Every structure is written in structure tokens, then in C-alpha cells.
N, C-alpha and C. Protein backbone atom coordinates (compact mmCIF):
# COMPACT_ATOMS: atom_id res chain seq x y z
N UNK A 1 1.07 20.72 -18.77
CA UNK A 1 1.07 19.47 -19.50
C UNK A 1 -0.34 18.88 -19.46
N UNK A 2 -0.66 18.14 -20.49
CA UNK A 2 -2.00 17.55 -20.58
C UNK A 2 -2.06 16.24 -19.80
N UNK A 3 -3.25 15.70 -19.70
CA UNK A 3 -3.50 14.52 -18.87
C UNK A 3 -2.60 13.34 -19.23
N UNK A 4 -2.53 13.01 -20.50
CA UNK A 4 -1.70 11.88 -20.93
C UNK A 4 -0.24 12.07 -20.60
N UNK A 5 0.25 13.28 -20.78
CA UNK A 5 1.65 13.58 -20.48
C UNK A 5 1.92 13.42 -18.99
N UNK A 6 1.02 13.95 -18.18
CA UNK A 6 1.18 13.84 -16.73
C UNK A 6 1.16 12.38 -16.29
N UNK A 7 0.21 11.63 -16.83
CA UNK A 7 0.11 10.21 -16.47
C UNK A 7 1.40 9.48 -16.82
N UNK A 8 1.93 9.73 -18.01
CA UNK A 8 3.18 9.09 -18.43
C UNK A 8 4.34 9.47 -17.52
N UNK A 9 4.48 10.76 -17.26
CA UNK A 9 5.58 11.24 -16.41
C UNK A 9 5.50 10.67 -15.00
N UNK A 10 4.29 10.54 -14.48
CA UNK A 10 4.09 10.08 -13.11
C UNK A 10 4.06 8.56 -12.99
N UNK A 11 3.91 7.87 -14.12
CA UNK A 11 3.85 6.41 -14.08
C UNK A 11 2.53 5.88 -13.58
N UNK A 12 1.44 6.61 -13.86
CA UNK A 12 0.10 6.17 -13.49
C UNK A 12 -0.78 6.24 -14.74
N UNK A 13 -1.98 5.66 -14.64
CA UNK A 13 -2.87 5.78 -15.79
C UNK A 13 -3.79 6.98 -15.62
N UNK A 14 -4.46 7.33 -16.68
CA UNK A 14 -5.32 8.52 -16.70
C UNK A 14 -6.45 8.39 -15.68
N UNK A 15 -7.02 7.20 -15.57
CA UNK A 15 -8.10 7.01 -14.59
C UNK A 15 -7.62 7.26 -13.17
N UNK A 16 -6.38 6.92 -12.88
CA UNK A 16 -5.82 7.19 -11.55
C UNK A 16 -5.77 8.69 -11.30
N UNK A 17 -5.37 9.46 -12.30
CA UNK A 17 -5.35 10.92 -12.15
C UNK A 17 -6.74 11.45 -11.83
N UNK A 18 -7.72 10.97 -12.57
CA UNK A 18 -9.09 11.44 -12.34
C UNK A 18 -9.60 11.02 -10.96
N UNK A 19 -9.21 9.82 -10.56
CA UNK A 19 -9.60 9.34 -9.23
C UNK A 19 -8.97 10.22 -8.14
N UNK A 20 -7.70 10.53 -8.27
CA UNK A 20 -7.04 11.40 -7.31
C UNK A 20 -7.71 12.77 -7.28
N UNK A 21 -8.13 13.23 -8.43
CA UNK A 21 -8.82 14.51 -8.52
C UNK A 21 -10.15 14.45 -7.77
N UNK A 22 -10.92 13.39 -8.01
CA UNK A 22 -12.22 13.24 -7.32
C UNK A 22 -12.05 13.16 -5.81
N UNK A 23 -10.99 12.50 -5.37
CA UNK A 23 -10.72 12.35 -3.93
C UNK A 23 -10.17 13.61 -3.30
N UNK A 24 -9.74 14.55 -4.11
CA UNK A 24 -9.15 15.77 -3.58
C UNK A 24 -7.65 15.69 -3.35
N UNK A 25 -7.04 14.58 -3.74
CA UNK A 25 -5.59 14.45 -3.62
C UNK A 25 -4.87 15.32 -4.64
N UNK A 26 -5.55 15.57 -5.73
CA UNK A 26 -5.00 16.38 -6.81
C UNK A 26 -6.00 17.50 -7.08
N UNK A 27 -5.57 18.75 -6.97
CA UNK A 27 -6.52 19.85 -7.20
C UNK A 27 -6.98 19.86 -8.66
N UNK A 28 -8.19 20.34 -8.90
CA UNK A 28 -8.68 20.41 -10.28
C UNK A 28 -7.74 21.28 -11.12
N UNK A 29 -7.37 20.80 -12.30
CA UNK A 29 -6.45 21.57 -13.13
C UNK A 29 -7.17 22.69 -13.88
N UNK A 30 -6.37 23.58 -14.40
CA UNK A 30 -6.91 24.60 -15.30
C UNK A 30 -7.39 23.89 -16.57
N UNK A 31 -8.23 24.58 -17.31
CA UNK A 31 -8.71 24.04 -18.59
C UNK A 31 -8.21 24.92 -19.73
N UNK A 32 -7.73 24.26 -20.77
CA UNK A 32 -7.32 24.98 -21.97
C UNK A 32 -8.59 25.42 -22.71
N UNK A 33 -8.48 26.36 -23.64
CA UNK A 33 -9.65 26.81 -24.39
C UNK A 33 -10.40 25.66 -25.08
N UNK A 34 -9.67 24.59 -25.43
CA UNK A 34 -10.32 23.44 -26.07
C UNK A 34 -10.94 22.48 -25.05
N UNK A 35 -10.86 22.80 -23.76
CA UNK A 35 -11.46 21.98 -22.71
C UNK A 35 -10.54 20.95 -22.10
N UNK A 36 -9.36 20.78 -22.67
CA UNK A 36 -8.41 19.81 -22.11
C UNK A 36 -7.90 20.29 -20.76
N UNK A 37 -7.67 19.32 -19.88
CA UNK A 37 -7.05 19.64 -18.59
C UNK A 37 -5.59 19.99 -18.82
N UNK A 38 -5.13 21.00 -18.09
CA UNK A 38 -3.72 21.41 -18.18
C UNK A 38 -3.15 21.40 -16.76
N UNK A 39 -2.17 20.52 -16.54
CA UNK A 39 -1.58 20.35 -15.22
C UNK A 39 -0.24 21.07 -15.13
N UNK A 40 0.11 21.43 -13.91
CA UNK A 40 1.39 22.09 -13.65
C UNK A 40 2.41 21.07 -13.13
N UNK A 41 3.64 21.51 -12.99
CA UNK A 41 4.69 20.66 -12.42
C UNK A 41 4.35 20.29 -10.98
N UNK A 42 3.61 21.16 -10.29
CA UNK A 42 3.21 20.87 -8.91
C UNK A 42 2.32 19.63 -8.85
N UNK A 43 1.49 19.43 -9.87
CA UNK A 43 0.64 18.24 -9.90
C UNK A 43 1.51 16.98 -10.01
N UNK A 44 2.54 17.05 -10.83
CA UNK A 44 3.46 15.91 -10.95
C UNK A 44 4.15 15.64 -9.61
N UNK A 45 4.56 16.69 -8.93
CA UNK A 45 5.18 16.53 -7.61
C UNK A 45 4.23 15.86 -6.63
N UNK A 46 2.96 16.26 -6.65
CA UNK A 46 1.96 15.68 -5.74
C UNK A 46 1.77 14.19 -6.03
N UNK A 47 1.69 13.84 -7.29
CA UNK A 47 1.49 12.43 -7.65
C UNK A 47 2.71 11.61 -7.23
N UNK A 48 3.88 12.15 -7.43
CA UNK A 48 5.09 11.44 -7.01
C UNK A 48 5.12 11.28 -5.49
N UNK A 49 4.67 12.28 -4.75
CA UNK A 49 4.55 12.19 -3.29
C UNK A 49 3.60 11.04 -2.94
N UNK A 50 2.45 11.00 -3.60
CA UNK A 50 1.45 9.95 -3.35
C UNK A 50 2.06 8.58 -3.61
N UNK A 51 2.73 8.42 -4.73
CA UNK A 51 3.30 7.12 -5.09
C UNK A 51 4.39 6.69 -4.10
N UNK A 52 5.22 7.64 -3.68
CA UNK A 52 6.27 7.30 -2.69
C UNK A 52 5.63 6.89 -1.37
N UNK A 53 4.60 7.61 -0.95
CA UNK A 53 3.92 7.28 0.31
C UNK A 53 3.25 5.91 0.20
N UNK A 54 2.63 5.62 -0.94
CA UNK A 54 2.03 4.30 -1.14
C UNK A 54 3.11 3.21 -1.08
N UNK A 55 4.28 3.51 -1.62
CA UNK A 55 5.38 2.56 -1.59
C UNK A 55 5.82 2.22 -0.17
N UNK A 56 5.56 3.12 0.77
CA UNK A 56 5.87 2.88 2.17
C UNK A 56 4.69 2.27 2.93
N UNK A 57 3.62 1.98 2.20
CA UNK A 57 2.48 1.30 2.81
C UNK A 57 1.37 2.20 3.29
N UNK A 58 1.46 3.50 3.06
CA UNK A 58 0.40 4.40 3.50
C UNK A 58 -0.82 4.25 2.60
N UNK A 59 -1.99 4.27 3.22
CA UNK A 59 -3.25 4.23 2.48
C UNK A 59 -3.54 5.62 1.92
N UNK A 60 -4.48 5.71 1.00
CA UNK A 60 -4.84 7.02 0.45
C UNK A 60 -5.40 7.93 1.54
N UNK A 61 -6.11 7.37 2.51
CA UNK A 61 -6.62 8.19 3.61
C UNK A 61 -5.46 8.79 4.41
N UNK A 62 -4.46 7.96 4.68
CA UNK A 62 -3.29 8.45 5.42
C UNK A 62 -2.52 9.48 4.60
N UNK A 63 -2.45 9.25 3.31
CA UNK A 63 -1.75 10.18 2.42
C UNK A 63 -2.48 11.52 2.39
N UNK A 64 -3.81 11.47 2.36
CA UNK A 64 -4.59 12.72 2.42
C UNK A 64 -4.22 13.51 3.66
N UNK A 65 -4.14 12.80 4.79
CA UNK A 65 -3.79 13.48 6.04
C UNK A 65 -2.37 14.04 5.99
N UNK A 66 -1.44 13.25 5.48
CA UNK A 66 -0.06 13.73 5.37
C UNK A 66 0.02 14.96 4.47
N UNK A 67 -0.71 14.93 3.38
CA UNK A 67 -0.69 16.07 2.46
C UNK A 67 -1.30 17.31 3.09
N UNK A 68 -2.28 17.10 3.96
CA UNK A 68 -2.91 18.25 4.62
C UNK A 68 -1.96 18.90 5.62
N UNK A 69 -0.92 18.19 6.01
CA UNK A 69 0.04 18.69 6.98
C UNK A 69 1.27 19.32 6.33
N UNK A 70 1.27 19.41 5.01
CA UNK A 70 2.39 20.02 4.30
C UNK A 70 2.24 21.52 4.28
N UNK A 71 3.28 22.30 4.45
CA UNK A 71 4.59 21.89 4.94
C UNK A 71 4.52 21.59 6.43
N UNK A 72 5.23 20.58 6.86
CA UNK A 72 5.17 20.12 8.25
C UNK A 72 6.12 20.94 9.12
N UNK A 73 5.52 21.73 10.00
CA UNK A 73 6.30 22.54 10.94
C UNK A 73 5.66 22.45 12.31
N UNK A 74 6.47 22.59 13.35
CA UNK A 74 5.94 22.61 14.71
C UNK A 74 5.11 21.39 15.04
N UNK A 75 3.89 21.63 15.49
CA UNK A 75 2.99 20.54 15.89
C UNK A 75 2.65 19.63 14.72
N UNK A 76 2.64 20.19 13.54
CA UNK A 76 2.35 19.36 12.37
C UNK A 76 3.42 18.29 12.19
N UNK A 77 4.66 18.62 12.48
CA UNK A 77 5.74 17.64 12.38
C UNK A 77 5.51 16.50 13.37
N UNK A 78 5.03 16.85 14.56
CA UNK A 78 4.74 15.82 15.55
C UNK A 78 3.64 14.90 15.05
N UNK A 79 2.62 15.47 14.42
CA UNK A 79 1.52 14.67 13.88
C UNK A 79 2.01 13.76 12.76
N UNK A 80 2.86 14.29 11.89
CA UNK A 80 3.43 13.47 10.81
C UNK A 80 4.22 12.31 11.41
N UNK A 81 5.00 12.60 12.44
CA UNK A 81 5.78 11.55 13.08
C UNK A 81 4.87 10.48 13.69
N UNK A 82 3.78 10.90 14.33
CA UNK A 82 2.85 9.93 14.92
C UNK A 82 2.23 9.04 13.83
N UNK A 83 1.89 9.63 12.71
CA UNK A 83 1.33 8.85 11.61
C UNK A 83 2.35 7.82 11.13
N UNK A 84 3.60 8.24 10.98
CA UNK A 84 4.66 7.33 10.53
C UNK A 84 4.93 6.24 11.57
N UNK A 85 4.91 6.60 12.85
CA UNK A 85 5.12 5.61 13.91
C UNK A 85 4.00 4.58 13.92
N UNK A 86 2.78 5.04 13.73
CA UNK A 86 1.64 4.12 13.68
C UNK A 86 1.78 3.16 12.51
N UNK A 87 2.19 3.68 11.35
CA UNK A 87 2.39 2.83 10.17
C UNK A 87 3.49 1.82 10.45
N UNK A 88 4.57 2.25 11.08
CA UNK A 88 5.67 1.35 11.40
C UNK A 88 5.20 0.23 12.33
N UNK A 89 4.41 0.56 13.34
CA UNK A 89 3.87 -0.45 14.26
C UNK A 89 3.00 -1.45 13.50
N UNK A 90 2.18 -0.97 12.59
CA UNK A 90 1.32 -1.84 11.80
C UNK A 90 2.16 -2.80 10.96
N UNK A 91 3.20 -2.28 10.33
CA UNK A 91 4.06 -3.11 9.49
C UNK A 91 4.81 -4.13 10.33
N UNK A 92 5.29 -3.72 11.50
CA UNK A 92 5.99 -4.67 12.38
C UNK A 92 5.05 -5.78 12.83
N UNK A 93 3.80 -5.45 13.10
CA UNK A 93 2.81 -6.45 13.48
C UNK A 93 2.55 -7.43 12.33
N UNK A 94 2.43 -6.89 11.13
CA UNK A 94 2.22 -7.75 9.96
C UNK A 94 3.42 -8.66 9.72
N UNK A 95 4.62 -8.12 9.92
CA UNK A 95 5.82 -8.94 9.75
C UNK A 95 5.85 -10.09 10.75
N UNK A 96 5.46 -9.82 11.98
CA UNK A 96 5.42 -10.88 12.99
C UNK A 96 4.40 -11.95 12.60
N UNK A 97 3.26 -11.51 12.09
CA UNK A 97 2.24 -12.46 11.64
C UNK A 97 2.77 -13.29 10.47
N UNK A 98 3.43 -12.64 9.53
CA UNK A 98 4.00 -13.36 8.38
C UNK A 98 5.07 -14.34 8.82
N UNK A 99 5.84 -13.99 9.83
CA UNK A 99 6.86 -14.90 10.36
C UNK A 99 6.19 -16.17 10.90
N UNK A 100 5.08 -16.01 11.60
CA UNK A 100 4.34 -17.16 12.11
C UNK A 100 3.81 -18.04 10.98
N UNK A 101 3.32 -17.41 9.94
CA UNK A 101 2.82 -18.15 8.78
C UNK A 101 3.97 -18.90 8.11
N UNK A 102 5.11 -18.23 7.97
CA UNK A 102 6.27 -18.87 7.34
C UNK A 102 6.71 -20.10 8.13
N UNK A 103 6.75 -19.97 9.45
CA UNK A 103 7.17 -21.10 10.27
C UNK A 103 6.17 -22.26 10.16
N UNK A 104 4.88 -21.95 10.13
CA UNK A 104 3.87 -23.00 9.97
C UNK A 104 4.04 -23.71 8.63
N UNK A 105 4.28 -22.94 7.58
CA UNK A 105 4.48 -23.54 6.25
C UNK A 105 5.77 -24.36 6.20
N UNK A 106 6.81 -23.86 6.84
CA UNK A 106 8.07 -24.63 6.89
C UNK A 106 7.84 -25.99 7.53
N UNK A 107 7.08 -25.98 8.63
CA UNK A 107 6.83 -27.23 9.33
C UNK A 107 6.00 -28.17 8.46
N UNK A 108 5.01 -27.63 7.76
CA UNK A 108 4.20 -28.47 6.87
C UNK A 108 5.05 -29.09 5.77
N UNK A 109 5.94 -28.30 5.19
CA UNK A 109 6.82 -28.82 4.13
C UNK A 109 7.75 -29.89 4.71
N UNK A 110 8.27 -29.64 5.89
CA UNK A 110 9.15 -30.61 6.55
C UNK A 110 8.39 -31.91 6.82
N UNK A 111 7.16 -31.78 7.32
CA UNK A 111 6.34 -32.97 7.58
C UNK A 111 6.07 -33.73 6.30
N UNK A 112 5.88 -33.00 5.21
CA UNK A 112 5.61 -33.63 3.92
C UNK A 112 6.84 -34.39 3.44
N UNK A 113 8.01 -33.79 3.59
CA UNK A 113 9.24 -34.45 3.16
C UNK A 113 9.45 -35.75 3.94
N UNK A 114 9.07 -35.72 5.21
CA UNK A 114 9.27 -36.89 6.06
C UNK A 114 8.22 -37.96 5.83
N UNK A 115 7.03 -37.56 5.38
CA UNK A 115 5.95 -38.55 5.32
C UNK A 115 5.18 -38.61 4.02
N UNK A 116 5.78 -38.23 2.91
CA UNK A 116 5.04 -38.22 1.66
C UNK A 116 4.91 -39.59 1.01
N UNK A 117 5.54 -40.60 1.59
CA UNK A 117 5.37 -41.96 1.06
C UNK A 117 4.05 -42.55 1.53
N UNK A 118 3.48 -41.94 2.57
CA UNK A 118 2.20 -42.43 3.10
C UNK A 118 1.09 -42.19 2.09
N UNK A 119 -0.01 -42.84 2.28
CA UNK A 119 -1.16 -42.69 1.39
C UNK A 119 -1.76 -41.28 1.48
N UNK A 120 -1.78 -40.71 2.68
CA UNK A 120 -2.38 -39.39 2.86
C UNK A 120 -1.30 -38.31 2.92
N UNK A 121 -1.54 -37.22 2.23
CA UNK A 121 -0.59 -36.10 2.22
C UNK A 121 -0.63 -35.40 3.58
N UNK A 122 0.50 -35.26 4.25
CA UNK A 122 0.52 -34.62 5.57
C UNK A 122 0.03 -33.17 5.55
N UNK A 123 0.26 -32.46 4.46
CA UNK A 123 -0.19 -31.07 4.38
C UNK A 123 -1.71 -31.03 4.32
N UNK A 124 -2.30 -31.85 3.45
CA UNK A 124 -3.77 -31.89 3.34
C UNK A 124 -4.37 -32.34 4.66
N UNK A 125 -3.77 -33.32 5.29
CA UNK A 125 -4.26 -33.80 6.58
C UNK A 125 -4.22 -32.70 7.64
N UNK A 126 -3.11 -31.97 7.70
CA UNK A 126 -2.98 -30.89 8.68
C UNK A 126 -3.99 -29.79 8.43
N UNK A 127 -4.21 -29.45 7.17
CA UNK A 127 -5.17 -28.40 6.84
C UNK A 127 -6.61 -28.84 7.10
N UNK A 128 -6.84 -30.13 7.12
CA UNK A 128 -8.19 -30.66 7.34
C UNK A 128 -8.57 -30.74 8.80
N UNK A 129 -7.59 -30.65 9.69
CA UNK A 129 -7.85 -30.80 11.12
C UNK A 129 -7.88 -29.44 11.81
N UNK A 130 -8.99 -29.11 12.48
CA UNK A 130 -9.06 -27.83 13.20
C UNK A 130 -7.97 -27.75 14.26
N UNK A 131 -7.33 -26.60 14.33
CA UNK A 131 -6.33 -26.36 15.36
C UNK A 131 -4.96 -26.93 15.05
N UNK A 132 -4.84 -27.70 14.00
CA UNK A 132 -3.55 -28.31 13.65
C UNK A 132 -2.58 -27.28 13.06
N UNK A 133 -3.13 -26.34 12.30
CA UNK A 133 -2.32 -25.31 11.66
C UNK A 133 -2.81 -23.96 12.17
N UNK A 134 -1.90 -23.07 12.59
CA UNK A 134 -2.34 -21.74 13.05
C UNK A 134 -3.05 -20.99 11.93
N UNK A 135 -4.14 -20.36 12.27
CA UNK A 135 -4.91 -19.59 11.30
C UNK A 135 -4.65 -18.11 11.52
N UNK A 136 -4.21 -17.41 10.48
CA UNK A 136 -3.86 -15.99 10.58
C UNK A 136 -4.79 -15.13 9.75
N UNK A 137 -6.06 -15.48 9.70
CA UNK A 137 -6.99 -14.67 8.90
C UNK A 137 -7.75 -13.72 9.76
């Protein structure tokens, strides 16, 4: 299949295909006599693998490593598991951070509901005072 067909089937744009090719995530395709790239079904499978891995939060660097471990057998399976465990820990940490942010915002909204008749907005006041609102940057 040609570049446009592959992009459509995979749900990515043509520039993404070329980027994956430059990064080595997608092997260079054969060329037709007219110079057009011709991709195989295996290329579509690789792109779908990449998209599914991205959907789970893996970076392209992590995906490169996962792809290098295919097929995962023996020690390679252990390495794949470690990569997934590390990603899970990262996501759990981010969720905890987001929970803290949510609670801080809930409190600000609650303070605003209780004191919005005042001249000064409680949210603006809280954001203006160092240490008043937890900073998660």
C-alpha cells in the first residue's frame, strides 16, 4: 500500500509516517518503479502497536525499546514487564499529584462560594499569596 493508504488505515498523517521512519520505528519501505513508497501489512501492524503503546502513556523512546524486545521471550519478557511497571509507577505518581491539585481547586471553589460577596475574590487572593495554594509544577 502507498503512503496515503497506510496513513488512512493507521489513523495518522503522512508526516507522522515519515517521522517514524526517520526515528527507525518504521523500517524504510520498498520503492515502486515510479519512486513511491510501498508499505506492507507489517508496517500497518507496527504503527498500530505504536499507537496502542502511546495510548497507554509510553513515550516514543519507550516504544522503541519495547519494539526492540519483540518477540518478548525469556529475559526479554522480564525487561518488558519492568518497563510496564515503571510506566505504571509514573502514572500512579501523576494521579496522586492530580488528586492534590483537584483537592486544592475544590477548596478554592468552596472558599469562593462562601466569600464571593466580598470585594476581593478569594481565588485571586489565594493565588496571590505565596504558600497559600500548593504548587505542583
